[in-house]
Amino acid sequence: MPGLLLDTLRGKSGSRRPIWLMRQAGRYLPEYRALRSEKGGFLELATDPAAAAEVTLQPIRRFGFDGAILFSDILMVPWALGQDLSFGPGEGPRLAPKADNRDAIGRLHAADHDKLQPIYETVGRVAAELPPETTFLGFAGSPWTVATYMIAGHGSRDHADARILAYRDPGAMRALIDVVVDLTVDYLANQVSAGVEAVQLFDSWAGSLAPAQFEQWVIAPNERITRRLHERCPGVPVIGFPKGAGARLSAYARETGVDAVGLDETVDPAWAARELPVDLPVQGNLDPLLLLTGGSELESAARFILDAFAGRPHVFNLGHGIDKETPISHVERLLETVRDWQG
């Protein structure tokens, strides 16, 4: 039988709300820190199937979330396309050489699925160990967000390198997006074949684009991925998470064909409940810093979100990833609040 989370993503709504948290497997957990120190770098950990499966399962054992999300990274796709990927101590990811012009984009390799095999093995290990009521989520980065890293070679505050390339040479940007779309569809379909039951597309930097650019580089590529994935994996829900989309969420929800929409913490739940398509499952959207802070405000905000979405399928989550300094007790209190709520 499908778990509560999978049922909700398929449009069913009841008195209980499923809950999982973005980055729920990570540095706020002492068991994760212990394993990370043993294994060394992030890439080494993410490509060790036994270790990555253990990390994926840690928050399920501790908290009993309704969903487990694969422990990996959105930059596995450019890594499989031939860019070197590294995670230096105390800094973000680095990709080289940069894919910042037509020639560099043309030199990207055909997808190397051998590099991705450890990810699929991790999925198989987790799927074999998860409780049957826990939904297994796979994921990938959306093409625009992945492209910002591929073009700049690292994360950036305003994604100027990618935005300039998109204005200066839209043909080059289109070629890069097309390559990422194609591999992302294969990557997610292979995760499904290995055992995930639903997937999320993370567009963490969608909010940096002007409206016409948002339509071209966020909505259109995510529509292609969603449509092709639905064709290859019928019945597998796709969650779209365009962080920073704001009022453009309505167009994103209508035009991409995603089965559920993730909301960041800047979105007013009352507005989303009113403006998004009727009966569309939504996910979110507690501020991660409020979970870090805790107290009565945390509980009040959680109940406000739950009440706002009482009339539609709703997956409780954060507006982005859990902060590494978040106390375990705050997560436990949030879980109590969500599970005690009756719609």
C-alpha atoms as a PDB file:
ATOM      1  CA  MET A   1       0.000   0.000   0.000  1.00  0.00           C
ATOM      2  CA  PRO A   2       1.270   3.521  -0.773  1.00  0.00           C
ATOM      3  CA  GLY A   3       2.362   5.597   2.192  1.00  0.00           C
ATOM      4  CA  LEU A   4       0.712   8.818   3.326  1.00  0.00           C
ATOM      5  CA  LEU A   5       3.209  10.983   1.427  1.00  0.00           C
ATOM      6  CA  LEU A   6       2.781   9.159  -1.877  1.00  0.00           C
ATOM      7  CA  ASP A   7      -0.999   9.251  -1.520  1.00  0.00           C
ATOM      8  CA  THR A   8      -0.841  13.005  -0.896  1.00  0.00           C
ATOM      9  CA  LEU A   9       1.371  13.626  -3.934  1.00  0.00           C
ATOM     10  CA  ARG A  10      -1.203  11.725  -5.974  1.00  0.00           C
ATOM     11  CA  GLY A  11      -3.898  14.141  -4.862  1.00  0.00           C
ATOM     12  CA  LYS A  12      -5.464  12.474  -1.839  1.00  0.00           C
ATOM     13  CA  SER A  13      -6.187  14.613   1.209  1.00  0.00           C
ATOM     14  CA  GLY A  14      -7.007  13.508   4.737  1.00  0.00           C
ATOM     15  CA  SER A  15      -6.891  14.756   8.299  1.00  0.00           C
ATOM     16  CA  ARG A  16      -3.169  13.911   8.688  1.00  0.00           C
ATOM     17  CA  ARG A  17      -0.367  15.671   6.841  1.00  0.00           C
ATOM     18  CA  PRO A  18       2.822  13.896   5.765  1.00  0.00           C
ATOM     19  CA  ILE A  19       6.103  15.556   6.675  1.00  0.00           C
ATOM     20  CA  TRP A  20       9.672  15.389   5.446  1.00  0.00           C
ATOM     21  CA  LEU A  21      12.323  18.118   5.459  1.00  0.00           C
ATOM     22  CA  MET A  22      14.690  19.241   2.766  1.00  0.00           C
ATOM     23  CA  ARG A  23      18.268  18.386   3.807  1.00  0.00           C
ATOM     24  CA  GLN A  24      16.854  16.163   6.553  1.00  0.00           C
ATOM     25  CA  ALA A  25      19.924  13.935   6.077  1.00  0.00           C
ATOM     26  CA  GLY A  26      22.787  16.234   6.947  1.00  0.00           C
ATOM     27  CA  ARG A  27      25.012  18.145   9.273  1.00  0.00           C
ATOM     28  CA  TYR A  28      22.516  18.856  12.066  1.00  0.00           C
ATOM     29  CA  LEU A  29      22.554  15.114  12.872  1.00  0.00           C
ATOM     30  CA  PRO A  30      25.426  13.851  15.048  1.00  0.00           C
ATOM     31  CA  GLU A  31      25.296  10.454  13.331  1.00  0.00           C
ATOM     32  CA  TYR A  32      25.821  12.166   9.968  1.00  0.00           C
ATOM     33  CA  ARG A  33      28.770  14.186  11.256  1.00  0.00           C
ATOM     34  CA  ALA A  34      30.388  11.034  12.586  1.00  0.00           C
ATOM     35  CA  LEU A  35      30.054   9.223   9.267  1.00  0.00           C
ATOM     36  CA  ARG A  36      31.189  12.259   7.272  1.00  0.00           C
ATOM     37  CA  SER A  37      34.362  12.564   9.339  1.00  0.00           C
ATOM     38  CA  GLU A  38      35.069   8.894   8.742  1.00  0.00           C
ATOM     39  CA  LYS A  39      34.519   9.027   4.984  1.00  0.00           C
ATOM     40  CA  GLY A  40      36.179  12.370   4.252  1.00  0.00           C
ATOM     41  CA  GLY A  41      34.881  14.531   1.412  1.00  0.00           C
ATOM     42  CA  PHE A  42      31.295  14.969   0.309  1.00  0.00           C
ATOM     43  CA  LEU A  43      31.758  13.409  -3.128  1.00  0.00           C
ATOM     44  CA  GLU A  44      33.412  10.366  -1.582  1.00  0.00           C
ATOM     45  CA  LEU A  45      30.450   9.988   0.752  1.00  0.00           C
ATOM     46  CA  ALA A  46      27.803  10.512  -1.935  1.00  0.00           C
ATOM     47  CA  THR A  47      29.365   7.951  -4.287  1.00  0.00           C
ATOM     48  CA  ASP A  48      29.833   5.264  -1.627  1.00  0.00           C
ATOM     49  CA  PRO A  49      26.512   3.373  -1.878  1.00  0.00           C
ATOM     50  CA  ALA A  50      26.690   1.829   1.595  1.00  0.00           C
ATOM     51  CA  ALA A  51      27.521   5.149   3.251  1.00  0.00           C
ATOM     52  CA  ALA A  52      25.043   7.205   1.186  1.00  0.00           C
ATOM     53  CA  ALA A  53      22.289   4.697   1.957  1.00  0.00           C
ATOM     54  CA  GLU A  54      23.107   4.930   5.655  1.00  0.00           C
ATOM     55  CA  VAL A  55      22.883   8.742   5.530  1.00  0.00           C
ATOM     56  CA  THR A  56      19.548   8.573   3.685  1.00  0.00           C
ATOM     57  CA  LEU A  57      18.141   6.262   6.354  1.00  0.00           C
ATOM     58  CA  GLN A  58      19.474   8.109   9.427  1.00  0.00           C
ATOM     59  CA  PRO A  59      16.628  10.655   9.747  1.00  0.00           C
ATOM     60  CA  ILE A  60      14.033   7.954   9.119  1.00  0.00           C
ATOM     61  CA  ARG A  61      15.359   5.897  12.013  1.00  0.00           C
ATOM     62  CA  ARG A  62      15.577   8.929  14.296  1.00  0.00           C
ATOM     63  CA  PHE A  63      12.345  10.772  13.428  1.00  0.00           C
ATOM     64  CA  GLY A  64      10.168   8.469  11.328  1.00  0.00           C
ATOM     65  CA  PHE A  65       9.558  11.036   8.590  1.00  0.00           C
ATOM     66  CA  ASP A  66       6.937  10.098   5.993  1.00  0.00           C
ATOM     67  CA  GLY A  67       9.485  10.478   3.216  1.00  0.00           C
ATOM     68  CA  ALA A  68      13.152   9.611   2.736  1.00  0.00           C
ATOM     69  CA  ILE A  69      15.087  11.628   0.172  1.00  0.00           C
ATOM     70  CA  LEU A  70      18.124  10.232  -1.582  1.00  0.00           C
ATOM     71  CA  PHE A  71      21.424  11.542  -0.227  1.00  0.00           C
ATOM     72  CA  SER A  72      23.240  12.970  -3.230  1.00  0.00           C
ATOM     73  CA  ASP A  73      23.795  16.335  -4.950  1.00  0.00           C
ATOM     74  CA  ILE A  74      22.280  18.263  -7.858  1.00  0.00           C
ATOM     75  CA  LEU A  75      25.714  18.487  -9.508  1.00  0.00           C
ATOM     76  CA  MET A  76      25.983  14.787 -10.297  1.00  0.00           C
ATOM     77  CA  VAL A  77      24.571  15.600 -13.740  1.00  0.00           C
ATOM     78  CA  PRO A  78      27.378  17.996 -14.807  1.00  0.00           C
ATOM     79  CA  TRP A  79      29.881  15.577 -13.274  1.00  0.00           C
ATOM     80  CA  ALA A  80      28.516  12.836 -15.534  1.00  0.00           C
ATOM     81  CA  LEU A  81      28.762  15.255 -18.490  1.00  0.00           C
ATOM     82  CA  GLY A  82      32.516  15.586 -18.035  1.00  0.00           C
ATOM     83  CA  GLN A  83      33.053  18.500 -15.655  1.00  0.00           C
ATOM     84  CA  ASP A  84      35.358  17.836 -12.726  1.00  0.00           C
ATOM     85  CA  LEU A  85      33.460  18.217  -9.442  1.00  0.00           C
ATOM     86  CA  SER A  86      35.061  19.000  -6.107  1.00  0.00           C
ATOM     87  CA  PHE A  87      33.941  20.154  -2.676  1.00  0.00           C
ATOM     88  CA  GLY A  88      36.705  22.010  -0.851  1.00  0.00           C
ATOM     89  CA  PRO A  89      36.732  22.349   2.952  1.00  0.00           C
ATOM     90  CA  GLY A  90      34.589  25.298   4.004  1.00  0.00           C
ATOM     91  CA  GLU A  91      33.575  26.246   0.459  1.00  0.00           C
ATOM     92  CA  GLY A  92      30.883  25.348  -2.028  1.00  0.00           C
ATOM     93  CA  PRO A  93      31.169  23.025  -5.000  1.00  0.00           C
ATOM     94  CA  ARG A  94      33.566  23.695  -7.864  1.00  0.00           C
ATOM     95  CA  LEU A  95      33.142  22.609 -11.483  1.00  0.00           C
ATOM     96  CA  ALA A  96      35.822  22.732 -14.179  1.00  0.00           C
ATOM     97  CA  PRO A  97      36.254  23.504 -16.981  1.00  0.00           C
ATOM     98  CA  LYS A  98      33.512  26.128 -17.155  1.00  0.00           C
ATOM     99  CA  ALA A  99      30.761  25.608 -19.743  1.00  0.00           C
ATOM    100  CA  ASP A 100      30.569  29.324 -20.476  1.00  0.00           C
ATOM    101  CA  ASN A 101      30.637  29.493 -24.293  1.00  0.00           C
ATOM    102  CA  ARG A 102      29.586  27.482 -27.345  1.00  0.00           C
ATOM    103  CA  ASP A 103      32.915  25.723 -27.713  1.00  0.00           C
ATOM    104  CA  ALA A 104      33.037  24.679 -24.060  1.00  0.00           C
ATOM    105  CA  ILE A 105      29.443  23.468 -24.184  1.00  0.00           C
ATOM    106  CA  GLY A 106      30.197  21.504 -27.336  1.00  0.00           C
ATOM    107  CA  ARG A 107      33.055  19.742 -25.563  1.00  0.00           C
ATOM    108  CA  LEU A 108      30.813  18.309 -22.850  1.00  0.00           C
ATOM    109  CA  HIS A 109      30.972  14.537 -22.976  1.00  0.00           C
ATOM    110  CA  ALA A 110      28.167  12.179 -23.761  1.00  0.00           C
ATOM    111  CA  ALA A 111      26.564  11.183 -20.482  1.00  0.00           C
ATOM    112  CA  ASP A 112      28.779   8.814 -18.501  1.00  0.00           C
ATOM    113  CA  HIS A 113      26.274   6.626 -16.668  1.00  0.00           C
ATOM    114  CA  ASP A 114      29.104   4.664 -15.072  1.00  0.00           C
ATOM    115  CA  LYS A 115      29.670   7.684 -12.833  1.00  0.00           C
ATOM    116  CA  LEU A 116      26.022   7.575 -11.818  1.00  0.00           C
ATOM    117  CA  GLN A 117      25.891   3.844 -11.095  1.00  0.00           C
ATOM    118  CA  PRO A 118      26.780   4.332  -7.397  1.00  0.00           C
ATOM    119  CA  ILE A 119      23.738   6.601  -7.070  1.00  0.00           C
ATOM    120  CA  TYR A 120      21.456   3.931  -8.494  1.00  0.00           C
ATOM    121  CA  GLU A 121      23.044   1.342  -6.203  1.00  0.00           C
ATOM    122  CA  THR A 122      22.364   3.634  -3.246  1.00  0.00           C
ATOM    123  CA  VAL A 123      18.710   3.820  -4.300  1.00  0.00           C
ATOM    124  CA  GLY A 124      18.463   0.041  -4.419  1.00  0.00           C
ATOM    125  CA  ARG A 125      19.992  -0.341  -0.958  1.00  0.00           C
ATOM    126  CA  VAL A 126      17.656   2.243   0.593  1.00  0.00           C
ATOM    127  CA  ALA A 127      14.566   0.854  -1.129  1.00  0.00           C
ATOM    128  CA  ALA A 128      15.321  -2.563   0.334  1.00  0.00           C
ATOM    129  CA  GLU A 129      15.520  -1.189   3.898  1.00  0.00           C
ATOM    130  CA  LEU A 130      12.822   1.490   4.081  1.00  0.00           C
ATOM    131  CA  PRO A 131       9.631   0.766   5.999  1.00  0.00           C
ATOM    132  CA  PRO A 132       6.793   0.172   3.515  1.00  0.00           C
ATOM    133  CA  GLU A 133       4.889   3.238   4.757  1.00  0.00           C
ATOM    134  CA  THR A 134       7.840   5.576   4.015  1.00  0.00           C
ATOM    135  CA  THR A 135       7.861   7.100   0.528  1.00  0.00           C
ATOM    136  CA  PHE A 136      11.249   7.174  -1.197  1.00  0.00           C
ATOM    137  CA  LEU A 137      12.024  10.433  -3.025  1.00  0.00           C
ATOM    138  CA  GLY A 138      14.651  10.842  -5.715  1.00  0.00           C
ATOM    139  CA  PHE A 139      15.711  14.192  -7.097  1.00  0.00           C
ATOM    140  CA  ALA A 140      17.686  16.213  -9.598  1.00  0.00           C
ATOM    141  CA  GLY A 141      18.544  19.844 -10.089  1.00  0.00           C
ATOM    142  CA  SER A 142      16.429  21.721 -12.614  1.00  0.00           C
ATOM    143  CA  PRO A 143      18.319  22.781 -15.762  1.00  0.00           C
ATOM    144  CA  TRP A 144      18.544  26.513 -15.002  1.00  0.00           C
ATOM    145  CA  THR A 145      19.988  26.001 -11.530  1.00  0.00           C
ATOM    146  CA  VAL A 146      22.416  23.315 -12.737  1.00  0.00           C
ATOM    147  CA  ALA A 147      23.478  25.568 -15.624  1.00  0.00           C
ATOM    148  CA  THR A 148      24.358  28.442 -13.266  1.00  0.00           C
ATOM    149  CA  TYR A 149      27.006  26.235 -11.645  1.00  0.00           C
ATOM    150  CA  MET A 150      28.226  24.790 -14.938  1.00  0.00           C
ATOM    151  CA  ILE A 151      28.735  28.248 -16.452  1.00  0.00           C
ATOM    152  CA  ALA A 152      30.331  30.009 -13.463  1.00  0.00           C
ATOM    153  CA  GLY A 153      32.200  26.950 -12.191  1.00  0.00           C
ATOM    154  CA  HIS A 154      30.870  27.618  -8.690  1.00  0.00           C
ATOM    155  CA  GLY A 155      27.902  29.058  -6.831  1.00  0.00           C
ATOM    156  CA  SER A 156      27.256  32.799  -7.047  1.00  0.00           C
ATOM    157  CA  ARG A 157      25.104  35.421  -5.413  1.00  0.00           C
ATOM    158  CA  ASP A 158      23.350  36.806  -8.508  1.00  0.00           C
ATOM    159  CA  HIS A 159      24.077  34.133 -11.178  1.00  0.00           C
ATOM    160  CA  ALA A 160      25.308  36.922 -13.432  1.00  0.00           C
ATOM    161  CA  ASP A 161      27.504  34.703 -15.620  1.00  0.00           C
ATOM    162  CA  ALA A 162      24.568  32.490 -16.585  1.00  0.00           C
ATOM    163  CA  ARG A 163      22.159  35.379 -17.020  1.00  0.00           C
ATOM    164  CA  ILE A 164      24.611  37.246 -19.245  1.00  0.00           C
ATOM    165  CA  LEU A 165      25.206  34.170 -21.405  1.00  0.00           C
ATOM    166  CA  ALA A 166      21.438  33.702 -21.758  1.00  0.00           C
ATOM    167  CA  TYR A 167      21.069  37.304 -23.003  1.00  0.00           C
ATOM    168  CA  ARG A 168      24.235  37.389 -25.114  1.00  0.00           C
ATOM    169  CA  ASP A 169      23.993  33.966 -26.730  1.00  0.00           C
ATOM    170  CA  PRO A 170      20.615  32.304 -26.159  1.00  0.00           C
ATOM    171  CA  GLY A 171      21.561  29.585 -28.641  1.00  0.00           C
ATOM    172  CA  ALA A 172      24.481  28.522 -26.462  1.00  0.00           C
ATOM    173  CA  MET A 173      22.306  28.555 -23.352  1.00  0.00           C
ATOM    174  CA  ARG A 174      19.663  26.519 -25.160  1.00  0.00           C
ATOM    175  CA  ALA A 175      22.270  23.954 -26.168  1.00  0.00           C
ATOM    176  CA  LEU A 176      23.438  23.640 -22.552  1.00  0.00           C
ATOM    177  CA  ILE A 177      19.895  23.392 -21.214  1.00  0.00           C
ATOM    178  CA  ASP A 178      19.064  20.713 -23.800  1.00  0.00           C
ATOM    179  CA  VAL A 179      22.013  18.572 -22.708  1.00  0.00           C
ATOM    180  CA  VAL A 180      21.013  18.885 -19.060  1.00  0.00           C
ATOM    181  CA  VAL A 181      17.348  18.113 -19.801  1.00  0.00           C
ATOM    182  CA  ASP A 182      18.219  14.930 -21.674  1.00  0.00           C
ATOM    183  CA  LEU A 183      20.472  13.542 -18.969  1.00  0.00           C
ATOM    184  CA  THR A 184      18.126  14.620 -16.167  1.00  0.00           C
ATOM    185  CA  VAL A 185      15.275  12.605 -17.676  1.00  0.00           C
ATOM    186  CA  ASP A 186      17.497   9.522 -17.929  1.00  0.00           C
ATOM    187  CA  TYR A 187      18.910  10.091 -14.451  1.00  0.00           C
ATOM    188  CA  LEU A 188      15.493  10.361 -12.802  1.00  0.00           C
ATOM    189  CA  ALA A 189      14.030   7.459 -14.785  1.00  0.00           C
ATOM    190  CA  ASN A 190      16.943   5.299 -13.645  1.00  0.00           C
ATOM    191  CA  GLN A 191      16.357   6.352 -10.042  1.00  0.00           C
ATOM    192  CA  VAL A 192      12.750   5.223 -10.433  1.00  0.00           C
ATOM    193  CA  SER A 193      13.849   1.912 -11.941  1.00  0.00           C
ATOM    194  CA  ALA A 194      16.148   1.421  -8.947  1.00  0.00           C
ATOM    195  CA  GLY A 195      13.402   2.050  -6.401  1.00  0.00           C
ATOM    196  CA  VAL A 196      12.360   5.698  -5.829  1.00  0.00           C
ATOM    197  CA  GLU A 197       8.607   6.366  -5.821  1.00  0.00           C
ATOM    198  CA  ALA A 198       8.487  10.113  -6.516  1.00  0.00           C
ATOM    199  CA  VAL A 199      11.002  12.763  -7.567  1.00  0.00           C
ATOM    200  CA  GLN A 200      11.685  16.420  -6.891  1.00  0.00           C
ATOM    201  CA  LEU A 201      13.151  18.976  -9.290  1.00  0.00           C
ATOM    202  CA  PHE A 202      15.158  21.574  -7.361  1.00  0.00           C
ATOM    203  CA  ASP A 203      15.297  24.974  -9.092  1.00  0.00           C
ATOM    204  CA  SER A 204      17.029  26.747  -6.237  1.00  0.00           C
ATOM    205  CA  TRP A 205      17.962  29.830  -8.296  1.00  0.00           C
ATOM    206  CA  ALA A 206      14.743  30.274 -10.298  1.00  0.00           C
ATOM    207  CA  GLY A 207      14.088  33.576  -8.540  1.00  0.00           C
ATOM    208  CA  SER A 208      17.012  35.374 -10.186  1.00  0.00           C
ATOM    209  CA  LEU A 209      15.375  35.548 -13.624  1.00  0.00           C
ATOM    210  CA  ALA A 210      13.257  38.236 -15.281  1.00  0.00           C
ATOM    211  CA  PRO A 211       9.746  37.103 -16.345  1.00  0.00           C
ATOM    212  CA  ALA A 212      10.522  36.255 -19.992  1.00  0.00           C
ATOM    213  CA  GLN A 213      13.698  34.474 -18.955  1.00  0.00           C
ATOM    214  CA  PHE A 214      11.795  32.573 -16.280  1.00  0.00           C
ATOM    215  CA  GLU A 215       9.390  31.305 -18.922  1.00  0.00           C
ATOM    216  CA  GLN A 216      12.241  30.255 -21.218  1.00  0.00           C
ATOM    217  CA  TRP A 217      14.764  28.778 -18.780  1.00  0.00           C
ATOM    218  CA  VAL A 218      12.596  27.562 -15.870  1.00  0.00           C
ATOM    219  CA  ILE A 219       9.094  26.728 -17.071  1.00  0.00           C
ATOM    220  CA  ALA A 220       9.900  25.302 -20.511  1.00  0.00           C
ATOM    221  CA  PRO A 221      12.740  22.935 -19.462  1.00  0.00           C
ATOM    222  CA  ASN A 222      10.854  21.680 -16.417  1.00  0.00           C
ATOM    223  CA  GLU A 223       7.797  21.022 -18.600  1.00  0.00           C
ATOM    224  CA  ARG A 224       9.934  18.916 -20.944  1.00  0.00           C
ATOM    225  CA  ILE A 225      11.420  16.906 -18.090  1.00  0.00           C
ATOM    226  CA  THR A 226       8.040  16.361 -16.428  1.00  0.00           C
ATOM    227  CA  ARG A 227       6.291  15.339 -19.643  1.00  0.00           C
ATOM    228  CA  ARG A 228       9.021  12.915 -20.680  1.00  0.00           C
ATOM    229  CA  LEU A 229       9.286  11.445 -17.203  1.00  0.00           C
ATOM    230  CA  HIS A 230       5.533  10.904 -17.049  1.00  0.00           C
ATOM    231  CA  GLU A 231       5.782   9.055 -20.368  1.00  0.00           C
ATOM    232  CA  ARG A 232       8.605   6.833 -19.131  1.00  0.00           C
ATOM    233  CA  CYS A 233       7.448   6.383 -15.529  1.00  0.00           C
ATOM    234  CA  PRO A 234       3.625   6.531 -15.445  1.00  0.00           C
ATOM    235  CA  GLY A 235       2.196   7.205 -12.025  1.00  0.00           C
ATOM    236  CA  VAL A 236       5.417   8.563 -10.501  1.00  0.00           C
ATOM    237  CA  PRO A 237       4.718  12.047  -9.062  1.00  0.00           C
ATOM    238  CA  VAL A 238       7.005  14.948  -9.899  1.00  0.00           C
ATOM    239  CA  ILE A 239       7.400  17.765  -7.348  1.00  0.00           C
ATOM    240  CA  GLY A 240       8.588  21.074  -8.791  1.00  0.00           C
ATOM    241  CA  PHE A 241      10.392  23.457  -6.444  1.00  0.00           C
ATOM    242  CA  PRO A 242      11.128  26.825  -8.118  1.00  0.00           C
ATOM    243  CA  LYS A 243      12.594  28.751  -5.192  1.00  0.00           C
ATOM    244  CA  GLY A 244      12.014  32.479  -5.404  1.00  0.00           C
ATOM    245  CA  ALA A 245       9.351  32.215  -8.112  1.00  0.00           C
ATOM    246  CA  GLY A 246       6.871  34.329  -6.145  1.00  0.00           C
ATOM    247  CA  ALA A 247       3.766  35.255  -8.148  1.00  0.00           C
ATOM    248  CA  ARG A 248       5.116  33.250 -11.092  1.00  0.00           C
ATOM    249  CA  LEU A 249       4.257  30.066  -9.178  1.00  0.00           C
ATOM    250  CA  SER A 250       0.793  30.069 -10.732  1.00  0.00           C
ATOM    251  CA  ALA A 251       2.194  29.953 -14.266  1.00  0.00           C
ATOM    252  CA  TYR A 252       4.787  27.380 -13.226  1.00  0.00           C
ATOM    253  CA  ALA A 253       2.112  25.128 -11.729  1.00  0.00           C
ATOM    254  CA  ARG A 254      -0.157  25.398 -14.756  1.00  0.00           C
ATOM    255  CA  GLU A 255       2.445  25.122 -17.495  1.00  0.00           C
ATOM    256  CA  THR A 256       5.027  22.606 -16.271  1.00  0.00           C
ATOM    257  CA  GLY A 257       2.611  19.759 -15.581  1.00  0.00           C
ATOM    258  CA  VAL A 258       4.233  18.920 -12.244  1.00  0.00           C
ATOM    259  CA  ASP A 259       2.139  16.869  -9.834  1.00  0.00           C
ATOM    260  CA  ALA A 260       2.948  19.032  -6.797  1.00  0.00           C
ATOM    261  CA  VAL A 261       4.574  22.412  -6.188  1.00  0.00           C
ATOM    262  CA  GLY A 262       7.069  23.198  -3.434  1.00  0.00           C
ATOM    263  CA  LEU A 263       6.810  26.649  -1.856  1.00  0.00           C
ATOM    264  CA  ASP A 264       9.686  28.569  -0.326  1.00  0.00           C
ATOM    265  CA  GLU A 265       9.325  30.496   2.916  1.00  0.00           C
ATOM    266  CA  THR A 266       8.576  33.841   1.185  1.00  0.00           C
ATOM    267  CA  VAL A 267       5.253  32.580  -0.193  1.00  0.00           C
ATOM    268  CA  ASP A 268       2.123  33.484   1.758  1.00  0.00           C
ATOM    269  CA  PRO A 269       0.263  30.193   2.312  1.00  0.00           C
ATOM    270  CA  ALA A 270      -3.097  31.964   2.129  1.00  0.00           C
ATOM    271  CA  TRP A 271      -2.171  33.413  -1.282  1.00  0.00           C
ATOM    272  CA  ALA A 272      -0.934  30.042  -2.536  1.00  0.00           C
ATOM    273  CA  ALA A 273      -4.084  28.265  -1.362  1.00  0.00           C
ATOM    274  CA  ARG A 274      -6.169  30.823  -3.238  1.00  0.00           C
ATOM    275  CA  GLU A 275      -4.136  31.237  -6.431  1.00  0.00           C
ATOM    276  CA  LEU A 276      -2.709  27.809  -7.260  1.00  0.00           C
ATOM    277  CA  PRO A 277      -4.780  25.323  -9.265  1.00  0.00           C
ATOM    278  CA  VAL A 278      -7.535  23.729  -7.207  1.00  0.00           C
ATOM    279  CA  ASP A 279      -6.583  20.350  -5.729  1.00  0.00           C
ATOM    280  CA  LEU A 280      -2.925  20.678  -6.767  1.00  0.00           C
ATOM    281  CA  PRO A 281      -0.813  19.202  -3.938  1.00  0.00           C
ATOM    282  CA  VAL A 282       1.504  21.757  -2.363  1.00  0.00           C
ATOM    283  CA  GLN A 283       4.597  21.285  -0.238  1.00  0.00           C
ATOM    284  CA  GLY A 284       6.126  23.630   2.315  1.00  0.00           C
ATOM    285  CA  ASN A 285       6.799  26.148   3.556  1.00  0.00           C
ATOM    286  CA  LEU A 286       8.124  26.851   7.072  1.00  0.00           C
ATOM    287  CA  ASP A 287      11.097  29.191   7.286  1.00  0.00           C
ATOM    288  CA  PRO A 288      14.190  27.066   8.121  1.00  0.00           C
ATOM    289  CA  LEU A 289      15.411  29.842  10.418  1.00  0.00           C
ATOM    290  CA  LEU A 290      12.200  29.603  12.439  1.00  0.00           C
ATOM    291  CA  LEU A 291      12.910  25.897  12.937  1.00  0.00           C
ATOM    292  CA  LEU A 292      16.393  26.909  14.065  1.00  0.00           C
ATOM    293  CA  THR A 293      14.909  29.452  16.506  1.00  0.00           C
ATOM    294  CA  GLY A 294      12.167  27.215  17.945  1.00  0.00           C
ATOM    295  CA  GLY A 295       9.701  28.215  20.646  1.00  0.00           C
ATOM    296  CA  SER A 296       6.039  29.128  20.458  1.00  0.00           C
ATOM    297  CA  GLU A 297       6.514  31.038  17.192  1.00  0.00           C
ATOM    298  CA  LEU A 298       7.597  27.811  15.517  1.00  0.00           C
ATOM    299  CA  GLU A 299       4.458  26.018  16.616  1.00  0.00           C
ATOM    300  CA  SER A 300       2.181  28.924  15.665  1.00  0.00           C
ATOM    301  CA  ALA A 301       3.729  29.248  12.210  1.00  0.00           C
ATOM    302  CA  ALA A 302       3.440  25.511  11.589  1.00  0.00           C
ATOM    303  CA  ARG A 303      -0.238  25.517  12.540  1.00  0.00           C
ATOM    304  CA  PHE A 304      -0.884  28.569  10.350  1.00  0.00           C
ATOM    305  CA  ILE A 305       0.571  26.737   7.326  1.00  0.00           C
ATOM    306  CA  LEU A 306      -1.399  23.585   8.114  1.00  0.00           C
ATOM    307  CA  ASP A 307      -4.644  25.547   8.485  1.00  0.00           C
ATOM    308  CA  ALA A 308      -4.059  27.498   5.270  1.00  0.00           C
ATOM    309  CA  PHE A 309      -3.775  24.300   3.231  1.00  0.00           C
ATOM    310  CA  ALA A 310      -6.508  22.364   5.030  1.00  0.00           C
ATOM    311  CA  GLY A 311      -8.622  22.387   1.876  1.00  0.00           C
ATOM    312  CA  ARG A 312      -6.130  20.650  -0.417  1.00  0.00           C
ATOM    313  CA  PRO A 313      -3.451  17.920  -0.401  1.00  0.00           C
ATOM    314  CA  HIS A 314      -0.477  19.271   1.558  1.00  0.00           C
ATOM    315  CA  VAL A 315       2.975  17.922   2.381  1.00  0.00           C
ATOM    316  CA  PHE A 316       4.516  19.742   5.330  1.00  0.00           C
ATOM    317  CA  ASN A 317       8.111  20.797   4.693  1.00  0.00           C
ATOM    318  CA  LEU A 318      10.469  23.717   5.025  1.00  0.00           C
ATOM    319  CA  GLY A 319      10.831  26.575   2.573  1.00  0.00           C
ATOM    320  CA  HIS A 320      14.377  25.367   1.868  1.00  0.00           C
ATOM    321  CA  GLY A 321      16.941  23.106   3.501  1.00  0.00           C
ATOM    322  CA  ILE A 322      17.279  22.612   7.249  1.00  0.00           C
ATOM    323  CA  ASP A 323      20.051  24.719   8.795  1.00  0.00           C
ATOM    324  CA  LYS A 324      23.062  22.769  10.063  1.00  0.00           C
ATOM    325  CA  GLU A 325      22.794  24.403  13.523  1.00  0.00           C
ATOM    326  CA  THR A 326      19.178  23.335  14.073  1.00  0.00           C
ATOM    327  CA  PRO A 327      18.672  21.597  17.437  1.00  0.00           C
ATOM    328  CA  ILE A 328      17.285  18.075  17.315  1.00  0.00           C
ATOM    329  CA  SER A 329      14.665  19.045  19.913  1.00  0.00           C
ATOM    330  CA  HIS A 330      13.208  21.664  17.564  1.00  0.00           C
ATOM    331  CA  VAL A 331      12.712  19.062  14.836  1.00  0.00           C
ATOM    332  CA  GLU A 332      11.041  16.762  17.354  1.00  0.00           C
ATOM    333  CA  ARG A 333       8.676  19.548  18.439  1.00  0.00           C
ATOM    334  CA  LEU A 334       7.791  20.359  14.837  1.00  0.00           C
ATOM    335  CA  LEU A 335       6.970  16.711  14.209  1.00  0.00           C
ATOM    336  CA  GLU A 336       4.689  16.665  17.264  1.00  0.00           C
ATOM    337  CA  THR A 337       2.932  19.827  16.095  1.00  0.00           C
ATOM    338  CA  VAL A 338       2.305  18.491  12.590  1.00  0.00           C
ATOM    339  CA  ARG A 339       1.197  15.057  13.775  1.00  0.00           C
ATOM    340  CA  ASP A 340      -1.108  16.467  16.443  1.00  0.00           C
ATOM    341  CA  TRP A 341      -2.873  18.728  13.932  1.00  0.00           C
ATOM    342  CA  GLN A 342      -6.299  17.626  12.749  1.00  0.00           C
ATOM    343  CA  GLY A 343      -7.695  19.093   9.560  1.00  0.00           C
END
